[in-house]
Amino acid sequence: MEKLWSYISNLGVKGEVDKLNRRTIVLSNQLNSVLFFSLVLLLLTTIVTLLLTNDTIYYGTLRVIILLIVTLLNLVLSRFGYTRLSMLSLIYLPPIIFLLGPTLIGYVEEESYTYYPYALICVSIIPQLLLHPQKEKFLYWFSMLYYLGLVIIIDKVMVQLGTTTFPIVERISTFYPFYKIAQIAIFLFINVSIYYLRRLNSNYEKVLNTKNDELDLQNVELKAQKEEIERQKDELVSKEISTWQKLVSIISHEIVNSAIPITNLAGMSAQMLEDESGIVQKTEKLGDDVADDIHHSLRIIESRTQGLISFVKATKSLTDIPKPNLREILLSDLFERISTLYRAKFREAGVKFEKEIIPSDLVLEADLELIEQVIINIIQNALEAMKETVNPRLSVIASLNESDQIQISISDNGTGISDDVIEQIFLPYYSTKPNNSGIGLSLSQQIMMLHHGRLEVRSSINNGATFYMIF
């Protein structure tokens, strides 16, 4: 039954149809089908009654048959795609077949004089359901006038044709004007109310559609953001793998570079202590030159071993940062500590040092020693970059950025940093300077992350560099 109802409802719905037109087609098919099945039941009941009573077929039965055929044709029209014609037939033909036609030929039951107008008032709801006031203005208002005209005219026709035929006409003639005014008032009240409700519904639908469009747009944006996050995640994983590969490569290179000379020197020293048969010679048999060579080799081994120990300690410091001991720090005190620490160094290097805090009482919640270490690492790099600079300048400024975050900027007028170096500057062990561990900025970045902040850099060749500590 559900499949049949769905099939009938969707007759003529083909391809891409907008929601309003689809709703009109479906409702038109449903009304035609309900009218058809109702008339079938009515006709079957009438036929059974006629057979039982041996009565004859009247005009009333004939109009049921005609209207049944019309509704069936309406469904057939929808089936073959003529949905518009099927809808117009449903709106305009039933009143003519069932009410106006019989009235014009003089076939009106006495009681029909009172219920015909009310049947028309009920049927006048059909255009309200199927037509769109904004989209089909002419057809919509013409349909309303059509039904209002029928409500007014049918009684007039009956009065003209039936003053001698229908006693009821005589009985209500004394209050006919009030009777007709009541019918018109009911018609107007019902249709105006439905029209008003439809306008409200239309406005709500517009708002709902607008909200749905906004949600769809947000959904698209969220989907794009999700894809971007996934892309960045993949990129981060790729960079992490690359970083680990570089780390392993650097550690392996450092260890091998130290281990090879240590092994060679140890082997050479062992050979110096042995005779041709491999037996260790007594000390007195070793010459002064051999003793000096062995001593020199042992010192080199000690130096390279110490270098390895320093390298391991530096590596350990990357993963052994203490948990920040957060407390309120007056930035003016922090800057004064830095200034005192580097006063002699700045004087020796001829660096003009400037510091500024806006507002002057700016307070930061952080670990004083760790944040001080970050600033020291950056200043050390700045001093290295300004070695060849005439009139070197270094400025440290603390302020609130556009997002009301505390920002400490450290700027120099040194040689600057190229784009390809900036991409790798925070990688562990990466350094462009000889004899540099390359962990200072990586360590600084980790300290900032432990403070839920970030470390950024902006620079270009020969235009200095600015590091931003953002909390």
Foldseek 3Di string as FASTA:
>chain_A
DVVVLVCQLQQQPDDDDDPLQSQLLSVLSNVLVVLLVVLVVVLVVVVVVCVVVVDDDDLQSVLSVVSNVLSVVLSVCSNVNNSVVSLVCLLPPNCVSNPVVCLQVPNDDLVCLQCVLVVLLVSLCSLLSNPDCVPPVVVSVVSLVVSLCCSVVSNVSCCVRPVPPHVVSVVCVVPVVVSSVVSSVSSCVVVVVSVVVVVVVVVVVVVVVVVVVVVVVVVVVVVVVVVVVVVVVVVVVVVVVVLVVVVVVVLVVLCCVLVVLLVVLVVVLQVLQADPVSHGDDPVVRDPVNVVSNVVSVVSNVVSVVVNVVLVVLVVLLVPPDQKPWDKDFVVVLVVVVCVVCVVVCVVQVEAEEEEEVVNRDIDTTRSVLLSLLVVLVVVVQSVQCNVPDHKYWYWYWDQDPVRWIKIKIWIQGQKDAPVCQVCLLRFQDDPDPPDSSHSNVSSQVRLVSVVWGWHKDIHGRGTIMIMTTD
